[in-house]
N, C-alpha and C. Protein backbone atom coordinates (compact mmCIF):
# COMPACT_ATOMS: atom_id res chain seq x y z
N MET A 1 160.45 98.20 80.96
CA MET A 1 159.19 97.25 81.31
C MET A 1 157.93 97.86 81.16
N ASP A 2 156.66 97.59 80.77
CA ASP A 2 155.43 97.99 80.32
C ASP A 2 154.67 97.46 82.04
N VAL A 3 154.04 98.17 82.39
CA VAL A 3 153.64 97.86 83.91
C VAL A 3 151.60 98.08 83.39
N ARG A 4 151.50 98.31 82.39
CA ARG A 4 150.24 98.78 82.23
C ARG A 4 149.52 96.95 81.84
N GLY A 5 149.84 95.90 81.40
CA GLY A 5 149.27 94.63 81.06
C GLY A 5 149.45 94.86 79.85
N LYS A 6 148.42 93.42 79.42
CA LYS A 6 148.17 93.27 78.23
C LYS A 6 146.77 93.55 77.98
N ARG A 7 146.11 94.25 76.52
CA ARG A 7 145.12 94.78 76.44
C ARG A 7 144.04 92.94 76.15
N LEU A 8 143.12 93.31 76.56
CA LEU A 8 142.26 92.11 76.53
C LEU A 8 141.14 91.90 75.38
N THR A 9 141.24 91.38 74.31
CA THR A 9 139.94 91.22 73.69
C THR A 9 138.56 91.20 74.46
N LEU A 10 137.40 91.36 73.91
CA LEU A 10 135.74 91.60 74.61
C LEU A 10 135.98 90.10 74.80
N ASP A 11 136.07 88.86 73.98
CA ASP A 11 135.85 87.34 74.17
C ASP A 11 136.85 87.03 75.47
N GLU A 12 137.64 87.51 75.22
CA GLU A 12 139.08 87.28 76.69
C GLU A 12 138.42 88.10 77.90
N PHE A 13 137.77 89.09 77.36
CA PHE A 13 137.53 89.74 78.91
C PHE A 13 136.23 89.03 79.51
N MET A 14 135.30 88.63 78.46
CA MET A 14 133.60 88.19 78.74
C MET A 14 133.93 86.51 79.65
N ASN A 15 135.43 86.05 78.45
CA ASN A 15 135.29 84.41 78.65
C ASN A 15 136.04 83.76 79.81
N THR A 16 136.78 84.82 81.14
CA THR A 16 137.76 84.42 81.57
C THR A 16 137.48 84.61 82.96
N GLU A 17 137.89 84.35 84.01
CA GLU A 17 137.74 84.35 85.18
C GLU A 17 137.89 85.81 85.65
N LEU A 18 138.14 86.62 84.58
CA LEU A 18 138.20 87.99 85.17
C LEU A 18 136.47 89.09 85.11
N SER A 19 136.03 88.26 84.96
CA SER A 19 134.04 88.66 84.73
C SER A 19 133.59 87.09 85.39
N VAL A 20 132.59 87.84 86.10
CA VAL A 20 131.69 86.87 86.88
C VAL A 20 129.79 87.35 86.46
N LYS A 21 129.45 86.39 85.74
CA LYS A 21 127.82 86.40 85.80
C LYS A 21 127.14 86.37 87.08
N HIS A 22 126.70 87.50 87.76
CA HIS A 22 125.72 86.58 89.36
C HIS A 22 124.69 87.98 89.01
N TYR A 23 123.39 87.34 89.38
CA TYR A 23 122.32 88.03 89.42
C TYR A 23 121.65 87.76 91.07
N PRO A 24 122.20 88.70 91.52
CA PRO A 24 121.66 88.13 92.73
C PRO A 24 120.22 88.76 93.25
N GLU A 25 119.34 87.78 93.94
CA GLU A 25 118.31 87.99 94.57
C GLU A 25 118.08 88.68 95.86
N MET A 26 117.68 90.13 95.49
CA MET A 26 118.06 90.91 96.61
C MET A 26 116.51 91.66 97.17
N GLU A 27 116.19 91.78 98.38
CA GLU A 27 114.87 92.05 99.37
C GLU A 27 115.16 92.63 99.98
N TYR A 28 114.46 93.94 100.46
CA TYR A 28 114.87 95.01 101.15
C TYR A 28 113.57 95.48 101.82
N ASN A 29 113.21 95.55 102.97
CA ASN A 29 112.47 96.15 103.48
C ASN A 29 112.34 97.90 104.01
N TRP A 30 111.33 98.80 103.76
CA TRP A 30 111.76 100.41 104.60
C TRP A 30 110.54 100.12 104.98
N ALA A 31 111.06 101.11 106.19
CA ALA A 31 110.32 101.49 107.20
C ALA A 31 109.89 102.96 106.53
N THR A 32 108.34 102.92 106.74
CA THR A 32 107.54 104.87 106.55
C THR A 32 107.71 105.07 107.39
N GLY A 33 107.72 105.07 108.56
CA GLY A 33 107.67 105.93 109.74
C GLY A 33 105.90 105.89 110.00
N VAL A 34 105.69 106.63 111.40
CA VAL A 34 104.36 106.58 111.80
C VAL A 34 103.24 107.30 110.53
N ALA A 35 104.07 108.54 110.35
CA ALA A 35 103.03 109.64 109.76
C ALA A 35 102.62 109.17 108.45
N ILE A 36 103.85 108.50 107.41
CA ILE A 36 103.52 107.72 106.39
C ILE A 36 102.17 106.80 106.74
N THR A 37 103.23 105.52 107.51
CA THR A 37 102.14 104.53 107.69
C THR A 37 100.85 105.00 107.78
N LYS A 38 100.47 105.43 108.87
CA LYS A 38 99.26 106.07 109.00
C LYS A 38 98.22 106.60 107.74
N PHE A 39 99.24 107.39 106.67
CA PHE A 39 98.65 107.58 105.59
C PHE A 39 98.29 106.79 104.28
N LEU A 40 98.95 105.67 104.49
CA LEU A 40 99.18 104.86 103.89
C LEU A 40 97.46 103.52 104.12
N LYS A 41 97.90 103.41 105.30
CA LYS A 41 96.44 102.97 106.20
C LYS A 41 95.29 103.77 105.15
N GLY A 42 95.02 105.15 105.27
CA GLY A 42 94.38 105.66 105.32
C GLY A 42 93.66 105.50 104.05
N LEU A 43 94.85 105.45 103.05
CA LEU A 43 94.54 105.11 101.10
C LEU A 43 93.81 103.80 100.93
N LYS A 44 94.01 103.05 101.97
CA LYS A 44 94.05 101.62 101.55
C LYS A 44 92.33 101.51 102.16
N ASN A 45 92.08 102.72 103.18
CA ASN A 45 90.36 102.98 103.44
C ASN A 45 89.79 103.87 102.56
N GLY A 46 90.40 104.43 101.47
CA GLY A 46 90.05 105.04 100.18
C GLY A 46 89.90 106.85 101.02
N LYS A 47 90.73 106.91 101.96
CA LYS A 47 90.94 108.64 102.88
C LYS A 47 92.19 108.74 102.41
N ILE A 48 92.19 110.35 102.35
CA ILE A 48 93.51 110.86 102.18
C ILE A 48 93.95 111.52 103.62
N LEU A 49 94.86 111.26 104.03
CA LEU A 49 95.24 111.97 105.66
C LEU A 49 95.84 113.21 105.32
N GLY A 50 96.22 114.27 106.44
CA GLY A 50 97.16 114.73 106.37
C GLY A 50 97.20 115.48 107.56
N THR A 51 97.92 115.90 108.79
CA THR A 51 98.24 116.42 109.82
C THR A 51 98.10 117.92 110.06
N TYR A 52 97.54 118.05 110.98
CA TYR A 52 97.47 119.44 111.36
C TYR A 52 98.63 120.37 112.63
N CYS A 53 98.98 121.63 112.30
CA CYS A 53 99.92 121.86 113.23
C CYS A 53 99.15 123.11 114.25
N ASN A 54 98.95 122.64 115.62
CA ASN A 54 97.94 123.58 116.26
C ASN A 54 98.78 125.26 116.06
N ASP A 55 100.02 125.39 116.64
CA ASP A 55 100.53 126.71 116.61
C ASP A 55 101.12 127.48 115.23
N CYS A 56 101.17 126.34 114.15
CA CYS A 56 101.00 127.39 113.07
C CYS A 56 99.58 127.50 112.23
N ASP A 57 98.67 126.75 112.86
CA ASP A 57 97.48 126.73 112.26
C ASP A 57 97.49 126.31 110.82
N ARG A 58 97.97 125.43 110.53
CA ARG A 58 97.97 125.00 108.93
C ARG A 58 98.52 123.39 108.71
N THR A 59 97.64 122.78 107.62
CA THR A 59 97.39 120.98 107.33
C THR A 59 98.15 120.99 106.29
N VAL A 60 98.99 119.63 106.24
CA VAL A 60 99.77 119.58 105.11
C VAL A 60 99.44 118.31 104.90
N CYS A 61 99.68 117.72 103.80
CA CYS A 61 99.76 116.21 102.97
C CYS A 61 100.54 116.38 102.08
N PRO A 62 101.31 115.03 102.24
CA PRO A 62 101.18 114.00 103.15
C PRO A 62 101.61 114.37 104.54
N PRO A 63 101.17 113.66 105.52
CA PRO A 63 100.73 113.61 106.79
C PRO A 63 102.88 113.77 107.42
N ARG A 64 102.95 114.75 108.32
CA ARG A 64 104.49 114.63 108.46
C ARG A 64 104.21 114.78 110.68
N MET A 65 105.51 114.30 110.93
CA MET A 65 105.19 114.30 112.24
C MET A 65 105.73 115.35 113.37
N PHE A 66 106.28 116.24 112.27
CA PHE A 66 106.71 117.54 112.85
C PHE A 66 106.40 118.84 112.25
N CYS A 67 106.09 120.15 112.39
CA CYS A 67 105.99 120.72 111.72
C CYS A 67 107.24 121.33 111.40
N GLU A 68 107.74 121.68 110.16
CA GLU A 68 108.82 122.28 109.69
C GLU A 68 108.70 124.02 109.57
N GLU A 69 107.33 124.40 110.12
CA GLU A 69 107.78 125.68 110.18
C GLU A 69 108.02 126.28 111.78
N CYS A 70 107.66 125.51 112.48
CA CYS A 70 108.04 125.75 113.96
C CYS A 70 108.52 124.39 114.54
N PHE A 71 108.52 123.55 113.93
CA PHE A 71 109.20 122.26 114.44
C PHE A 71 108.32 121.64 116.29
N ASN A 72 107.44 122.10 115.94
CA ASN A 72 106.79 121.43 117.41
C ASN A 72 105.59 120.08 116.46
N PRO A 73 105.19 119.21 117.34
CA PRO A 73 104.75 117.77 116.84
C PRO A 73 103.24 118.27 116.08
N MET A 74 103.45 117.48 114.66
CA MET A 74 102.10 117.47 114.09
C MET A 74 101.63 115.96 114.22
N ASN A 75 100.73 115.93 115.43
CA ASN A 75 100.08 114.65 115.69
C ASN A 75 98.65 114.38 115.56
N HIS A 76 97.96 115.71 115.44
CA HIS A 76 96.57 115.78 115.13
C HIS A 76 96.59 115.15 113.34
N TYR A 77 95.81 114.07 113.36
CA TYR A 77 95.36 113.72 111.89
C TYR A 77 93.94 113.84 111.24
N VAL A 78 93.66 114.77 109.83
CA VAL A 78 92.65 115.19 109.56
C VAL A 78 92.77 114.18 108.26
N LYS A 79 91.24 114.08 107.82
CA LYS A 79 90.73 113.30 106.73
C LYS A 79 90.29 114.60 105.77
N LEU A 80 90.98 114.49 104.52
CA LEU A 80 91.13 115.18 103.78
C LEU A 80 89.89 115.17 102.48
N PRO A 81 89.80 115.81 101.68
CA PRO A 81 88.74 115.48 100.22
C PRO A 81 89.69 114.67 99.39
N ASP A 82 89.42 114.41 98.42
CA ASP A 82 90.15 113.46 97.74
C ASP A 82 90.27 114.47 96.14
N THR A 83 89.85 115.64 96.31
CA THR A 83 89.94 116.73 95.39
C THR A 83 91.20 117.34 95.38
N GLY A 84 91.81 117.84 94.40
CA GLY A 84 92.94 118.90 94.81
C GLY A 84 92.89 120.10 93.35
N VAL A 85 94.50 120.68 93.62
CA VAL A 85 94.32 121.25 92.43
C VAL A 85 95.85 120.55 91.62
N ILE A 86 96.22 121.28 90.32
CA ILE A 86 97.32 120.67 89.71
C ILE A 86 98.27 121.71 90.02
N ASN A 87 99.19 121.76 90.76
CA ASN A 87 100.53 122.62 91.33
C ASN A 87 101.37 122.71 90.03
N THR A 88 101.66 121.44 89.64
CA THR A 88 102.78 120.94 88.08
C THR A 88 102.46 120.10 87.48
N PHE A 89 102.86 119.97 86.27
CA PHE A 89 102.92 118.56 85.64
C PHE A 89 103.78 118.93 84.12
N SER A 90 103.75 117.32 84.24
CA SER A 90 104.89 117.22 82.96
C SER A 90 104.42 115.75 81.82
N LEU A 91 104.81 115.90 80.64
CA LEU A 91 104.29 115.07 79.59
C LEU A 91 105.65 114.05 79.53
N ALA A 92 105.27 112.53 79.97
CA ALA A 92 106.55 111.68 79.87
C ALA A 92 106.23 110.66 78.75
N PHE A 93 106.78 110.95 77.93
CA PHE A 93 107.01 109.74 76.28
C PHE A 93 107.67 108.70 76.54
N ILE A 94 108.93 108.79 77.51
CA ILE A 94 109.52 107.82 78.01
C ILE A 94 109.59 106.83 79.01
N ARG A 95 109.78 105.51 79.20
CA ARG A 95 109.48 105.30 80.18
C ARG A 95 110.64 104.35 81.20
N THR A 96 110.46 104.14 81.90
CA THR A 96 111.57 104.15 82.81
C THR A 96 112.76 102.75 82.25
N ASP A 97 112.58 102.35 81.35
CA ASP A 97 113.64 101.55 80.77
C ASP A 97 114.26 102.02 79.25
N ALA A 98 113.73 103.07 79.14
CA ALA A 98 113.92 104.22 78.19
C ALA A 98 113.26 103.56 76.75
N THR A 99 112.35 103.02 77.11
CA THR A 99 111.43 102.79 75.46
C THR A 99 110.42 104.23 75.74
N ARG A 100 110.30 104.17 74.21
CA ARG A 100 109.15 105.32 74.00
C ARG A 100 107.80 104.45 73.97
N ARG A 101 107.14 105.92 74.38
CA ARG A 101 105.46 105.47 75.49
C ARG A 101 104.55 105.78 74.01
N GLU A 102 103.75 105.28 73.31
CA GLU A 102 102.34 106.05 72.83
C GLU A 102 102.04 106.68 73.18
N LYS A 103 101.49 106.78 74.06
CA LYS A 103 100.87 107.60 74.61
C LYS A 103 101.58 108.49 75.86
N ALA A 104 101.58 109.76 76.15
CA ALA A 104 102.18 110.13 77.12
C ALA A 104 101.62 110.19 78.69
N GLU A 105 102.41 109.74 79.70
CA GLU A 105 102.21 109.45 81.07
C GLU A 105 102.27 111.05 81.42
N ILE A 106 101.42 111.23 82.58
CA ILE A 106 101.27 112.33 82.96
C ILE A 106 101.53 112.61 84.66
N PRO A 107 102.95 113.06 85.03
CA PRO A 107 102.87 113.02 86.24
C PRO A 107 102.55 114.44 86.73
N ALA A 108 101.97 114.57 87.98
CA ALA A 108 101.54 115.98 88.51
C ALA A 108 102.15 115.72 89.60
N VAL A 109 102.24 117.12 90.31
CA VAL A 109 101.76 117.35 91.81
C VAL A 109 100.64 117.74 92.38
N ILE A 110 99.96 117.71 93.12
CA ILE A 110 98.51 117.66 93.56
C ILE A 110 98.60 118.23 94.65
N ASP A 111 98.35 119.18 94.75
CA ASP A 111 97.79 119.84 96.00
C ASP A 111 96.61 119.70 96.40
N ILE A 112 96.51 118.87 97.72
CA ILE A 112 94.74 118.41 98.19
C ILE A 112 94.31 119.54 98.46
N ASP A 113 93.42 119.38 98.45
CA ASP A 113 91.88 120.62 99.05
C ASP A 113 91.83 120.29 100.36
N GLY A 114 92.03 121.45 101.34
CA GLY A 114 92.09 121.61 102.66
C GLY A 114 93.07 121.86 104.12
N THR A 115 94.46 121.67 102.69
CA THR A 115 95.71 121.85 102.93
C THR A 115 95.87 123.91 103.45
N SER A 116 97.10 123.87 103.69
CA SER A 116 97.09 125.10 104.32
C SER A 116 98.42 126.02 103.36
N ILE A 117 99.39 124.96 102.57
CA ILE A 117 100.81 125.98 102.13
C ILE A 117 100.70 125.10 100.60
N SER A 118 101.13 125.62 99.60
CA SER A 118 101.47 124.94 98.46
C SER A 118 103.00 125.21 98.22
N PRO A 119 104.06 124.05 98.09
CA PRO A 119 103.35 122.96 97.51
C PRO A 119 102.53 121.84 98.76
N SER A 120 101.56 121.69 99.02
CA SER A 120 100.96 120.37 100.35
C SER A 120 100.60 119.48 99.62
N GLY A 121 101.15 118.48 98.49
CA GLY A 121 100.64 117.81 97.90
C GLY A 121 101.47 116.24 97.44
N PHE A 122 101.37 115.53 96.47
CA PHE A 122 101.81 114.91 96.24
C PHE A 122 101.96 114.00 94.77
N LEU A 123 103.13 113.80 94.41
CA LEU A 123 103.19 113.20 92.70
C LEU A 123 102.00 112.07 92.36
N HIS A 124 101.53 112.57 91.28
CA HIS A 124 100.80 111.37 90.89
C HIS A 124 100.38 111.55 89.78
N LEU A 125 99.76 110.54 89.24
CA LEU A 125 99.07 110.66 87.89
C LEU A 125 97.81 111.40 87.55
N ILE A 126 97.85 111.78 86.46
CA ILE A 126 97.18 112.58 85.47
C ILE A 126 96.12 111.54 84.66
N ASP A 127 94.76 111.15 84.40
CA ASP A 127 94.27 110.63 83.65
C ASP A 127 95.10 110.62 82.50
N GLU A 128 95.56 109.41 81.58
CA GLU A 128 96.41 109.85 80.20
C GLU A 128 95.48 109.97 79.10
N ASP A 129 94.03 109.33 79.08
CA ASP A 129 93.19 109.93 78.04
C ASP A 129 92.88 110.86 77.94
N VAL A 130 93.44 112.14 78.50
CA VAL A 130 92.89 113.34 78.64
C VAL A 130 93.50 114.39 77.70
N SER A 131 93.12 114.75 76.68
CA SER A 131 94.01 115.56 75.83
C SER A 131 95.39 116.66 76.48
N HIS A 132 96.77 116.35 76.26
CA HIS A 132 97.35 117.74 76.74
C HIS A 132 97.21 118.87 77.00
N ASP A 133 96.66 119.35 75.70
CA ASP A 133 96.51 120.92 75.67
C ASP A 133 95.05 120.87 76.38
N LYS A 134 94.27 120.22 77.57
CA LYS A 134 93.14 121.03 78.28
C LYS A 134 93.65 120.81 79.25
N ILE A 135 95.20 120.19 79.90
CA ILE A 135 95.73 120.02 80.66
C ILE A 135 96.22 121.65 81.82
N LYS A 136 96.62 121.87 82.50
CA LYS A 136 96.70 123.43 82.83
C LYS A 136 97.04 123.70 84.54
N ILE A 137 98.16 123.88 84.91
CA ILE A 137 98.35 124.56 86.13
C ILE A 137 97.03 125.01 86.95
N GLY A 138 96.53 124.76 87.95
CA GLY A 138 95.43 125.65 88.25
C GLY A 138 94.07 124.45 88.61
N MET A 139 94.14 123.37 88.00
CA MET A 139 93.21 123.09 87.18
C MET A 139 92.72 121.78 88.46
N LYS A 140 91.26 121.77 88.53
CA LYS A 140 90.79 121.35 89.73
C LYS A 140 91.23 119.77 89.29
N VAL A 141 91.22 118.58 90.53
CA VAL A 141 91.21 117.19 89.94
C VAL A 141 90.69 116.39 91.15
N LYS A 142 90.13 115.28 90.86
CA LYS A 142 89.69 114.48 91.59
C LYS A 142 90.19 112.93 91.48
N ALA A 143 90.60 112.09 92.70
CA ALA A 143 91.04 111.10 92.82
C ALA A 143 90.16 109.71 92.04
N VAL A 144 90.95 109.24 91.45
CA VAL A 144 89.87 107.91 90.94
C VAL A 144 90.56 106.81 91.58
N TRP A 145 89.79 106.07 92.40
CA TRP A 145 90.73 104.76 93.28
C TRP A 145 90.73 103.60 92.48
N LYS A 146 91.48 102.95 92.82
CA LYS A 146 91.00 101.64 92.98
C LYS A 146 90.04 100.62 93.39
N ASP A 147 89.30 99.96 93.03
CA ASP A 147 87.87 99.28 93.94
C ASP A 147 88.91 98.74 94.84
N GLU A 148 87.92 98.87 96.35
CA GLU A 148 88.25 98.27 97.40
C GLU A 148 88.66 96.84 97.46
N LYS A 149 88.55 96.15 97.30
CA LYS A 149 89.26 94.92 97.45
C LYS A 149 90.52 94.89 96.77
N ASP A 150 90.90 95.62 96.00
CA ASP A 150 92.09 95.54 95.03
C ASP A 150 93.27 96.69 96.08
N ARG A 151 92.54 97.40 97.01
CA ARG A 151 93.34 98.14 97.67
C ARG A 151 94.38 97.45 98.52
N ILE A 152 95.60 97.94 98.76
CA ILE A 152 96.73 97.49 99.36
C ILE A 152 97.75 98.24 100.36
N GLY A 153 97.14 99.59 100.36
CA GLY A 153 97.96 100.41 101.29
C GLY A 153 99.16 100.69 100.49
N ASP A 154 98.76 101.68 99.68
CA ASP A 154 100.03 102.73 98.32
C ASP A 154 99.45 103.65 97.76
N ILE A 155 100.51 104.11 97.68
CA ILE A 155 100.05 105.40 96.69
C ILE A 155 99.29 105.33 95.74
N THR A 156 99.62 103.98 95.34
CA THR A 156 98.60 103.63 93.90
C THR A 156 97.31 103.08 93.85
N ASP A 157 96.78 103.14 95.20
CA ASP A 157 95.52 102.42 95.43
C ASP A 157 94.68 104.18 95.16
N ILE A 158 95.56 105.00 94.33
CA ILE A 158 94.92 106.09 93.83
C ILE A 158 95.32 105.62 92.25
N LYS A 159 94.51 105.52 91.00
CA LYS A 159 95.10 105.17 89.80
C LYS A 159 95.28 106.05 89.22
N PHE A 160 94.69 107.46 89.21
CA PHE A 160 95.23 108.83 88.53
C PHE A 160 94.04 109.36 88.96
N PHE A 161 94.53 110.87 88.87
CA PHE A 161 93.74 112.05 88.93
C PHE A 161 92.85 112.47 87.94
N GLU A 162 91.68 112.54 87.89
CA GLU A 162 90.67 112.90 86.85
C GLU A 162 90.48 114.61 86.60
N LEU A 163 90.14 115.18 85.58
CA LEU A 163 90.23 116.13 85.65
C LEU A 163 88.68 116.72 85.94
N LEU A 164 88.27 117.70 86.55
CA LEU A 164 86.99 118.19 87.08
C LEU A 164 86.81 119.49 85.88
N GLU A 165 85.23 119.34 85.74
CA GLU A 165 84.98 120.16 84.59
C GLU A 165 84.82 121.76 85.30
N ASP A 166 84.96 122.24 85.01
CA ASP A 166 85.20 123.94 84.90
C ASP A 166 83.56 124.42 85.33
N ASP A 167 83.16 125.05 86.26
CA ASP A 167 82.13 125.61 87.15
C ASP A 167 81.54 126.96 86.16
């Protein structure tokens, strides 16, 4: 007795009741929490916010509700400059749908000026019109913001970071 069943052709598999084509409409919400909500509201107003730990005497960005060093609350928010330093970066020639990009997208971790530790920044994009060989770890960058009317309280309210000229 053969208990493995019958091998189906692709046509049999796709056109019988064994398979169902269904494209669900899915909606979801994600609670950002107190600290990131305040951070995102700051971005909508053209400000980068961090939090300060009184016990460790350090400032971090993005903000946190507690200090991961001493575990005390971090409820003092500080406005930080919209400049920073490239901590690390990459050149991405492949889109999320696996198609090739003509020009590389340049994701980078930006350590925001005024923070106390490295890394203390966030992942964002470098201006893709910059020549790749000009970008180096440790370079100064500045945020390029969307127009105020177009901001929605999202990390994309910063379009990208541009390289600052060497002094």
